[in-house]
Structures are given as structure tokens and as C-alpha cells.
Protein backbone atom coordinates (compact mmCIF):
# COMPACT_ATOMS: atom_id res chain seq x y z
CA UNK A 1 -66.35 -96.53 13.63
CA UNK A 2 -70.39 -96.92 13.97
CA UNK A 3 -70.73 -95.86 10.44
CA UNK A 4 -68.28 -98.59 9.14
CA UNK A 5 -70.04 -100.99 10.88
CA UNK A 6 -73.53 -99.51 9.55
CA UNK A 7 -71.71 -99.77 6.19
CA UNK A 8 -71.43 -103.82 6.89
CA UNK A 9 -75.59 -104.27 7.74
CA UNK A 10 -76.33 -102.41 4.70
CA UNK A 11 -74.28 -104.00 2.37
CA UNK A 12 -75.61 -107.38 3.43
CA UNK A 13 -79.21 -106.14 3.91
CA UNK A 14 -78.49 -105.50 0.49
CA UNK A 15 -77.60 -109.08 -0.44
CA UNK A 16 -73.79 -108.34 -0.24
CA UNK A 17 -72.27 -111.35 0.95
CA UNK A 18 -70.21 -110.50 3.85
CA UNK A 19 -66.60 -112.47 3.77
CA UNK A 20 -64.33 -113.49 6.53
CA UNK A 21 -61.62 -111.55 4.53
CA UNK A 22 -63.57 -108.22 4.31
CA UNK A 23 -64.21 -107.83 7.86
CA UNK A 24 -60.39 -108.63 8.35
CA UNK A 25 -59.48 -105.58 5.92
CA UNK A 26 -61.83 -103.77 8.03
CA UNK A 27 -60.66 -104.56 11.13
CA UNK A 28 -56.80 -104.12 9.76
CA UNK A 29 -57.88 -100.69 9.11
CA UNK A 30 -59.73 -99.65 12.89
CA UNK A 31 -56.53 -100.93 14.42
CA UNK A 32 -53.76 -98.91 12.41
CA UNK A 33 -56.37 -95.88 12.52
CA UNK A 34 -56.84 -96.55 16.03
CA UNK A 35 -53.08 -96.38 17.04
CA UNK A 36 -52.51 -93.08 14.70
CA UNK A 37 -55.48 -91.24 16.28
CA UNK A 38 -53.77 -91.86 19.91
CA UNK A 39 -50.37 -91.37 18.55
CA UNK A 40 -52.03 -88.03 17.75
CA UNK A 41 -53.61 -87.09 20.96
CA UNK A 42 -56.71 -86.89 19.20
CA UNK A 43 -58.67 -89.37 21.09
CA UNK A 44 -57.81 -90.37 24.75
CA UNK A 45 -56.71 -93.54 26.03
CA UNK A 46 -59.86 -94.20 27.88
CA UNK A 47 -61.81 -93.76 24.02
CA UNK A 48 -58.72 -96.33 22.30
CA UNK A 49 -59.07 -99.11 25.08
CA UNK A 50 -62.90 -99.07 24.73
CA UNK A 51 -62.57 -99.02 21.01
CA UNK A 52 -61.25 -102.36 21.33
CA UNK A 53 -64.09 -104.61 22.42
CA UNK A 54 -65.88 -103.36 19.21
CA UNK A 55 -62.79 -104.50 17.49
CA UNK A 56 -62.28 -107.66 19.40
CA UNK A 57 -65.96 -108.12 18.67
CA UNK A 58 -65.15 -107.59 14.42
CA UNK A 59 -62.94 -110.30 15.03
CA UNK A 60 -64.93 -112.79 16.34
CA UNK A 61 -67.69 -112.01 13.72
CA UNK A 62 -64.76 -112.62 11.37
CA UNK A 63 -64.38 -115.87 13.05
CA UNK A 64 -67.67 -116.97 12.77
CA UNK A 65 -67.58 -116.13 8.74
CA UNK A 66 -65.16 -118.50 8.59
CA UNK A 67 -67.17 -121.82 10.12
CA UNK A 68 -70.02 -120.83 8.56
CA UNK A 69 -72.02 -119.01 11.32
CA UNK A 70 -75.90 -118.62 10.79
CA UNK A 71 -76.75 -115.29 8.63
CA UNK A 72 -79.13 -114.55 11.37
CA UNK A 73 -76.26 -115.03 14.42
CA UNK A 74 -73.82 -112.85 12.36
CA UNK A 75 -76.83 -109.85 12.09
CA UNK A 76 -77.50 -110.30 15.61
CA UNK A 77 -73.81 -109.69 16.46
CA UNK A 78 -73.46 -107.12 13.90
CA UNK A 79 -76.58 -105.16 15.24
CA UNK A 80 -74.64 -105.56 18.93
CA UNK A 81 -71.52 -104.10 17.57
CA UNK A 82 -73.44 -101.15 16.07
CA UNK A 83 -75.15 -100.43 19.60
CA UNK A 84 -71.82 -100.35 21.03
CA UNK A 85 -70.12 -98.03 18.16
CA UNK A 86 -73.21 -95.79 18.94
CA UNK A 87 -72.46 -95.89 22.60
CA UNK A 88 -68.63 -94.75 22.43
CA UNK A 89 -69.83 -92.19 19.90
CA UNK A 90 -72.08 -90.79 22.65
CA UNK A 91 -69.46 -91.25 25.23
CA UNK A 92 -66.60 -89.30 22.36
CA UNK A 93 -68.58 -86.90 20.66
CA UNK A 94 -66.75 -87.02 16.97
CA UNK A 95 -64.98 -90.38 17.44
CA UNK A 96 -66.47 -91.57 14.09
CA UNK A 97 -65.95 -88.56 12.61
CA UNK A 98 -62.02 -88.61 13.37
CA UNK A 99 -61.67 -92.35 12.08
CA UNK A 100 -63.23 -91.99 9.31
CA UNK A 101 -61.08 -89.22 8.40
CA UNK A 102 -58.29 -91.64 7.89
CA UNK A 103 -59.70 -93.41 4.55
CA UNK A 104 -58.39 -92.76 1.37
């Protein structure tokens, strides 16, 4: 999960305009993939629930983008989500690799 958040941060840093629609596509991917991972018993229910706060945070950022929140506020929130994703990875090693393995 941290790699997708890092990618969003890097894209924004490199001048790409991040839109609510772009985030919503990523949120949908994360949501569906987390369900698949849990159903396949690749992650625990605790990991599934812990990742929900990050997914929810991305939804908040998406909403703030729709309301033209300042770039500095968006960047701050994204950095917070990145930190949470790193903590999630430390708590559940391999979580990010499994999540990213579902991308086609």
C-alpha cells in the first residue's frame, strides 16, 4: 500500500496534477484487492481492518481535492498516509508486495 501512496506523492512532486478521480480509481483497486486478499487468507482480518484507515484517509483526500483544498494540506495528509502505510508494512511484513501483486 505504501508504494501506491508513494507513487501518488512522487507524481505530484514531479508536476502531475492529482485529481479526485485518479484517487478514486486507486481507492477502488485497494478496496477490491483487500477483499480478495482476505478471502484468499493472504492477510489476516486484523491487517484488513488496519488497512481500512489508510483507505479511508485516501477517500478524505479525494473529497478535499474536489473542494479545492490547498496543495500543502493535501501533501501533508498524503505524507501522513504514507507513514501509516509504512507502519502497516512493519506490522504485517509483505503486505505491500501482496497488494501490488494483484495489479495487471
